[in-house]
C-alpha atoms as a PDB file:
ATOM      1  CA  MET A   1      69.818 -51.290 107.050  1.00  0.00           C
ATOM      2  CA  THR A   2      71.098 -54.737 107.809  1.00  0.00           C
ATOM      3  CA  GLY A   3      71.761 -57.536 105.337  1.00  0.00           C
ATOM      4  CA  PRO A   4      69.131 -59.961 104.087  1.00  0.00           C
ATOM      5  CA  HIS A   5      67.761 -62.568 106.425  1.00  0.00           C
ATOM      6  CA  PRO A   6      69.142 -66.046 105.549  1.00  0.00           C
ATOM      7  CA  ARG A   7      66.803 -67.824 103.149  1.00  0.00           C
ATOM      8  CA  SER A   8      64.910 -70.827 104.381  1.00  0.00           C
ATOM      9  CA  GLU A   9      62.089 -72.758 102.807  1.00  0.00           C
ATOM     10  CA  HIS A  10      60.379 -72.781 106.224  1.00  0.00           C
ATOM     11  CA  ARG A  11      59.995 -69.003 106.536  1.00  0.00           C
ATOM     12  CA  PRO A  12      56.663 -67.512 105.447  1.00  0.00           C
ATOM     13  CA  VAL A  13      56.783 -64.870 102.732  1.00  0.00           C
ATOM     14  CA  LEU A  14      55.519 -61.348 103.349  1.00  0.00           C
ATOM     15  CA  TYR A  15      54.896 -58.903 100.522  1.00  0.00           C
ATOM     16  CA  VAL A  16      55.371 -55.314 101.658  1.00  0.00           C
ATOM     17  CA  ILE A  17      53.606 -52.974  99.234  1.00  0.00           C
ATOM     18  CA  ALA A  18      54.736 -49.347  99.379  1.00  0.00           C
ATOM     19  CA  CYS A  19      52.720 -46.570  97.746  1.00  0.00           C
ATOM     20  CA  GLY A  20      53.701 -43.069  96.605  1.00  0.00           C
ATOM     21  CA  SER A  21      54.306 -41.220  99.841  1.00  0.00           C
ATOM     22  CA  PRO A  22      57.343 -39.582 101.450  1.00  0.00           C
ATOM     23  CA  LEU A  23      56.978 -42.231 104.163  1.00  0.00           C
ATOM     24  CA  ALA A  24      58.005 -44.890 101.604  1.00  0.00           C
ATOM     25  CA  ARG A  25      61.602 -43.604 101.867  1.00  0.00           C
ATOM     26  CA  HIS A  26      61.706 -45.348 105.258  1.00  0.00           C
ATOM     27  CA  VAL A  27      60.028 -48.659 104.298  1.00  0.00           C
ATOM     28  CA  GLY A  28      63.311 -50.462 104.988  1.00  0.00           C
ATOM     29  CA  ARG A  29      62.425 -50.126 108.668  1.00  0.00           C
ATOM     30  CA  LEU A  30      59.263 -52.177 108.102  1.00  0.00           C
ATOM     31  CA  VAL A  31      61.262 -54.767 106.149  1.00  0.00           C
ATOM     32  CA  GLU A  32      63.789 -55.107 108.975  1.00  0.00           C
ATOM     33  CA  LEU A  33      61.095 -55.440 111.648  1.00  0.00           C
ATOM     34  CA  ALA A  34      59.342 -58.198 109.682  1.00  0.00           C
ATOM     35  CA  GLN A  35      62.633 -60.008 109.101  1.00  0.00           C
ATOM     36  CA  GLN A  36      63.405 -59.869 112.825  1.00  0.00           C
ATOM     37  CA  VAL A  37      60.279 -61.890 113.581  1.00  0.00           C
ATOM     38  CA  GLY A  38      60.998 -64.468 110.888  1.00  0.00           C
ATOM     39  CA  TRP A  39      59.347 -63.303 107.671  1.00  0.00           C
ATOM     40  CA  GLU A  40      61.024 -63.541 104.284  1.00  0.00           C
ATOM     41  CA  VAL A  41      60.169 -60.143 102.816  1.00  0.00           C
ATOM     42  CA  CYS A  42      59.617 -59.113  99.203  1.00  0.00           C
ATOM     43  CA  LEU A  43      59.015 -55.458  98.335  1.00  0.00           C
ATOM     44  CA  VAL A  44      56.549 -54.271  95.703  1.00  0.00           C
ATOM     45  CA  THR A  45      55.897 -50.601  94.976  1.00  0.00           C
ATOM     46  CA  THR A  46      53.252 -48.739  93.089  1.00  0.00           C
ATOM     47  CA  PRO A  47      54.693 -46.706  90.191  1.00  0.00           C
ATOM     48  CA  ASP A  48      54.595 -43.576  92.365  1.00  0.00           C
ATOM     49  CA  GLY A  49      55.993 -45.504  95.327  1.00  0.00           C
ATOM     50  CA  ALA A  50      59.051 -46.406  93.236  1.00  0.00           C
ATOM     51  CA  LYS A  51      59.972 -42.710  93.144  1.00  0.00           C
ATOM     52  CA  PHE A  52      60.605 -42.701  96.893  1.00  0.00           C
ATOM     53  CA  VAL A  53      62.552 -45.926  97.539  1.00  0.00           C
ATOM     54  CA  ASP A  54      66.169 -46.956  97.090  1.00  0.00           C
ATOM     55  CA  ARG A  55      65.578 -50.052  94.974  1.00  0.00           C
ATOM     56  CA  ALA A  56      69.173 -51.315  95.120  1.00  0.00           C
ATOM     57  CA  ALA A  57      69.421 -51.008  98.920  1.00  0.00           C
ATOM     58  CA  LEU A  58      66.053 -52.703  99.420  1.00  0.00           C
ATOM     59  CA  ALA A  59      66.960 -55.525  97.016  1.00  0.00           C
ATOM     60  CA  ARG A  60      70.130 -56.134  99.052  1.00  0.00           C
ATOM     61  CA  LEU A  61      68.121 -56.044 102.283  1.00  0.00           C
ATOM     62  CA  THR A  62      65.461 -58.503 101.094  1.00  0.00           C
ATOM     63  CA  GLY A  63      67.494 -60.654  98.717  1.00  0.00           C
ATOM     64  CA  HIS A  64      64.789 -60.111  96.080  1.00  0.00           C
ATOM     65  CA  PRO A  65      64.332 -57.561  93.294  1.00  0.00           C
ATOM     66  CA  VAL A  66      61.952 -54.709  94.057  1.00  0.00           C
ATOM     67  CA  ARG A  67      58.985 -55.155  91.736  1.00  0.00           C
ATOM     68  CA  THR A  68      56.812 -52.348  90.379  1.00  0.00           C
ATOM     69  CA  HIS A  69      55.362 -53.533  87.066  1.00  0.00           C
ATOM     70  CA  TYR A  70      53.608 -56.639  85.822  1.00  0.00           C
ATOM     71  CA  LYS A  71      55.972 -59.137  84.227  1.00  0.00           C
ATOM     72  CA  ASN A  72      55.768 -59.945  80.538  1.00  0.00           C
ATOM     73  CA  ALA A  73      53.817 -63.017  79.489  1.00  0.00           C
ATOM     74  CA  GLY A  74      56.047 -66.068  79.685  1.00  0.00           C
ATOM     75  CA  ASP A  75      58.610 -64.462  82.007  1.00  0.00           C
ATOM     76  CA  PRO A  76      59.287 -66.406  85.218  1.00  0.00           C
ATOM     77  CA  ASP A  77      57.998 -65.139  88.543  1.00  0.00           C
ATOM     78  CA  LEU A  78      60.819 -63.339  90.343  1.00  0.00           C
ATOM     79  CA  LEU A  79      59.267 -63.518  93.802  1.00  0.00           C
ATOM     80  CA  PRO A  80      58.093 -66.497  95.857  1.00  0.00           C
ATOM     81  CA  PRO A  81      54.334 -66.632  96.500  1.00  0.00           C
ATOM     82  CA  ALA A  82      53.093 -64.501  99.391  1.00  0.00           C
ATOM     83  CA  ASP A  83      51.723 -65.878 102.640  1.00  0.00           C
ATOM     84  CA  ALA A  84      50.645 -62.402 103.831  1.00  0.00           C
ATOM     85  CA  MET A  85      50.800 -58.764 102.738  1.00  0.00           C
ATOM     86  CA  ILE A  86      51.252 -55.364 104.341  1.00  0.00           C
ATOM     87  CA  VAL A  87      50.350 -52.230 102.378  1.00  0.00           C
ATOM     88  CA  CYS A  88      52.318 -49.460 104.031  1.00  0.00           C
ATOM     89  CA  PRO A  89      52.324 -46.621 103.396  1.00  0.00           C
ATOM     90  CA  ALA A  90      48.960 -46.909 101.673  1.00  0.00           C
ATOM     91  CA  THR A  91      47.709 -43.863  99.801  1.00  0.00           C
ATOM     92  CA  VAL A  92      44.142 -42.693  99.279  1.00  0.00           C
ATOM     93  CA  ASN A  93      44.556 -43.543  95.590  1.00  0.00           C
ATOM     94  CA  THR A  94      45.539 -47.154  96.274  1.00  0.00           C
ATOM     95  CA  VAL A  95      42.821 -47.695  98.901  1.00  0.00           C
ATOM     96  CA  ASN A  96      40.133 -46.293  96.589  1.00  0.00           C
ATOM     97  CA  LYS A  97      41.235 -48.360  93.574  1.00  0.00           C
ATOM     98  CA  TRP A  98      41.691 -51.537  95.637  1.00  0.00           C
ATOM     99  CA  ALA A  99      38.214 -51.204  97.168  1.00  0.00           C
ATOM    100  CA  ALA A 100      36.815 -50.779  93.641  1.00  0.00           C
ATOM    101  CA  GLY A 101      38.647 -53.884  92.372  1.00  0.00           C
ATOM    102  CA  ILE A 102      40.878 -51.964  89.952  1.00  0.00           C
ATOM    103  CA  THR A 103      44.089 -53.812  89.041  1.00  0.00           C
ATOM    104  CA  ASP A 104      45.943 -51.341  86.821  1.00  0.00           C
ATOM    105  CA  THR A 105      49.236 -51.767  88.724  1.00  0.00           C
ATOM    106  CA  LEU A 106      51.123 -54.823  89.927  1.00  0.00           C
ATOM    107  CA  ALA A 107      50.549 -53.761  93.541  1.00  0.00           C
ATOM    108  CA  LEU A 108      46.780 -53.581  93.060  1.00  0.00           C
ATOM    109  CA  GLY A 109      46.699 -56.831  91.107  1.00  0.00           C
ATOM    110  CA  LEU A 110      48.538 -58.603  93.919  1.00  0.00           C
ATOM    111  CA  LEU A 111      46.182 -57.149  96.536  1.00  0.00           C
ATOM    112  CA  VAL A 112      43.018 -58.127  94.682  1.00  0.00           C
ATOM    113  CA  GLU A 113      44.387 -61.607  93.985  1.00  0.00           C
ATOM    114  CA  GLY A 114      45.708 -62.023  97.539  1.00  0.00           C
ATOM    115  CA  GLN A 115      42.340 -61.101  98.952  1.00  0.00           C
ATOM    116  CA  GLY A 116      40.716 -63.645  96.642  1.00  0.00           C
ATOM    117  CA  LYS A 117      43.129 -66.296  97.925  1.00  0.00           C
ATOM    118  CA  GLY A 118      42.236 -65.449 101.511  1.00  0.00           C
ATOM    119  CA  LEU A 119      45.714 -64.195 102.440  1.00  0.00           C
ATOM    120  CA  PRO A 120      46.037 -62.064 105.556  1.00  0.00           C
ATOM    121  CA  VAL A 121      46.379 -58.428 104.468  1.00  0.00           C
ATOM    122  CA  VAL A 122      47.189 -55.428 106.676  1.00  0.00           C
ATOM    123  CA  VAL A 123      46.747 -51.896 105.317  1.00  0.00           C
ATOM    124  CA  VAL A 124      48.231 -48.825 107.010  1.00  0.00           C
ATOM    125  CA  PRO A 125      47.201 -45.603 105.268  1.00  0.00           C
ATOM    126  CA  PHE A 126      49.398 -42.519 105.513  1.00  0.00           C
ATOM    127  CA  THR A 127      47.627 -39.393 104.352  1.00  0.00           C
ATOM    128  CA  ASN A 128      46.629 -35.927 105.466  1.00  0.00           C
ATOM    129  CA  SER A 129      43.415 -34.882 107.171  1.00  0.00           C
ATOM    130  CA  ALA A 130      41.876 -33.332 104.033  1.00  0.00           C
ATOM    131  CA  MET A 131      42.460 -36.418 101.862  1.00  0.00           C
ATOM    132  CA  ALA A 132      41.251 -38.733 104.621  1.00  0.00           C
ATOM    133  CA  ALA A 133      37.954 -36.842 104.854  1.00  0.00           C
ATOM    134  CA  HIS A 134      36.855 -37.824 101.350  1.00  0.00           C
ATOM    135  CA  PRO A 135      33.789 -40.111 101.471  1.00  0.00           C
ATOM    136  CA  ALA A 136      35.223 -42.539  98.888  1.00  0.00           C
ATOM    137  CA  PHE A 137      38.279 -43.137 101.071  1.00  0.00           C
ATOM    138  CA  GLN A 138      36.196 -43.718 104.185  1.00  0.00           C
ATOM    139  CA  ALA A 139      33.889 -46.061 102.256  1.00  0.00           C
ATOM    140  CA  GLY A 140      36.897 -47.896 100.818  1.00  0.00           C
ATOM    141  CA  LEU A 141      38.380 -48.512 104.254  1.00  0.00           C
ATOM    142  CA  SER A 142      35.013 -49.781 105.492  1.00  0.00           C
ATOM    143  CA  ARG A 143      34.688 -52.102 102.514  1.00  0.00           C
ATOM    144  CA  LEU A 144      38.208 -53.479 103.018  1.00  0.00           C
ATOM    145  CA  ARG A 145      37.423 -54.133 106.701  1.00  0.00           C
ATOM    146  CA  GLU A 146      34.218 -55.953 105.722  1.00  0.00           C
ATOM    147  CA  TRP A 147      36.260 -58.164 103.377  1.00  0.00           C
ATOM    148  CA  GLY A 148      38.616 -59.195 106.176  1.00  0.00           C
ATOM    149  CA  THR A 149      41.500 -56.796 105.656  1.00  0.00           C
ATOM    150  CA  THR A 150      43.113 -55.532 108.864  1.00  0.00           C
ATOM    151  CA  VAL A 151      42.909 -51.739 108.615  1.00  0.00           C
ATOM    152  CA  LEU A 152      45.204 -49.737 110.895  1.00  0.00           C
ATOM    153  CA  PHE A 153      43.921 -46.199 110.633  1.00  0.00           C
ATOM    154  CA  GLY A 154      42.822 -43.447 112.965  1.00  0.00           C
ATOM    155  CA  ASP A 155      44.220 -41.324 115.752  1.00  0.00           C
ATOM    156  CA  HIS A 156      44.751 -44.430 117.906  1.00  0.00           C
ATOM    157  CA  VAL A 157      47.275 -45.643 115.286  1.00  0.00           C
ATOM    158  CA  PHE A 158      48.778 -42.413 113.938  1.00  0.00           C
ATOM    159  CA  PRO A 159      47.216 -38.940 114.119  1.00  0.00           C
ATOM    160  CA  LEU A 160      46.408 -37.303 110.803  1.00  0.00           C
ATOM    161  CA  HIS A 161      48.479 -34.299 109.797  1.00  0.00           C
ATOM    162  CA  PRO A 162      47.344 -31.200 107.892  1.00  0.00           C
ATOM    163  CA  PRO A 163      47.999 -30.939 104.145  1.00  0.00           C
ATOM    164  CA  GLY A 164      51.626 -30.117 103.368  1.00  0.00           C
ATOM    165  CA  ALA A 165      52.957 -31.325 106.727  1.00  0.00           C
ATOM    166  CA  ALA A 166      53.822 -34.979 106.019  1.00  0.00           C
ATOM    167  CA  GLU A 167      57.584 -34.490 106.252  1.00  0.00           C
ATOM    168  CA  ARG A 168      57.292 -33.245 109.832  1.00  0.00           C
ATOM    169  CA  HIS A 169      55.533 -36.433 110.946  1.00  0.00           C
ATOM    170  CA  LEU A 170      57.544 -39.225 109.306  1.00  0.00           C
ATOM    171  CA  HIS A 171      59.810 -39.815 112.315  1.00  0.00           C
ATOM    172  CA  ALA A 172      56.921 -40.811 114.585  1.00  0.00           C
ATOM    173  CA  PHE A 173      55.302 -43.393 112.291  1.00  0.00           C
ATOM    174  CA  PRO A 174      54.525 -46.673 114.142  1.00  0.00           C
ATOM    175  CA  TRP A 175      56.079 -49.251 111.775  1.00  0.00           C
ATOM    176  CA  GLU A 176      55.868 -51.838 114.559  1.00  0.00           C
ATOM    177  CA  ALA A 177      52.063 -51.725 114.500  1.00  0.00           C
ATOM    178  CA  ALA A 178      51.944 -53.114 110.958  1.00  0.00           C
ATOM    179  CA  VAL A 179      54.134 -56.096 111.844  1.00  0.00           C
ATOM    180  CA  ALA A 180      52.267 -56.686 115.107  1.00  0.00           C
ATOM    181  CA  ALA A 181      48.980 -56.908 113.172  1.00  0.00           C
ATOM    182  CA  LEU A 182      50.222 -59.870 111.123  1.00  0.00           C
ATOM    183  CA  PRO A 183      49.072 -63.334 112.120  1.00  0.00           C
ATOM    184  CA  ASP A 184      51.690 -65.455 113.851  1.00  0.00           C
ATOM    185  CA  ARG A 185      52.540 -67.385 110.698  1.00  0.00           C
ATOM    186  CA  CYS A 186      56.214 -67.931 111.464  1.00  0.00           C
ATOM    187  CA  ASP A 187      55.716 -70.636 114.094  1.00  0.00           C
ATOM    188  CA  SER A 188      53.175 -72.567 112.012  1.00  0.00           C
ATOM    189  CA  ALA A 189      55.376 -72.444 108.885  1.00  0.00           C
ATOM    190  CA  ALA A 190      58.339 -73.919 110.754  1.00  0.00           C
ATOM    191  CA  ALA A 191      56.307 -76.804 112.184  1.00  0.00           C
END
């Protein structure tokens, strides 16, 4: 991992939200790719996502603390406001709760609020073929698409793996696709 991108008030802010998946161990790659195209990146994890990431390394990389929990009332915000969000890796649990409007974690609260603010949001699920077959997950993805979320999911993005085989497929994950799906906000923010 490289060092944090120099801070500038002209760079748009991207929240990367990582869920509880072995793929989250490699989320630094997504952070670096977004920084390379001019985003200031802040990392938020779900409580299960926090189990997979190196918080200290990612805080050094982004220049911001890695957030997992809601702040206490009256505490200052530790992160600048988001201009866009990427949820990657997104789990079936997070997609289902988000589509239902549940905000029982900071990550979900930010997603529901960001959607209400009209922020661009990209979601990239990482799950196995059995979990992906559940009707609630499929309905949740459809609902998120209808609400304007960019959903990157399917064999054209990343083929599903069988249950228990996630570790064998982490190396081939297309992190670049998530960044490429973001709107070109960097040029407009600098103008």
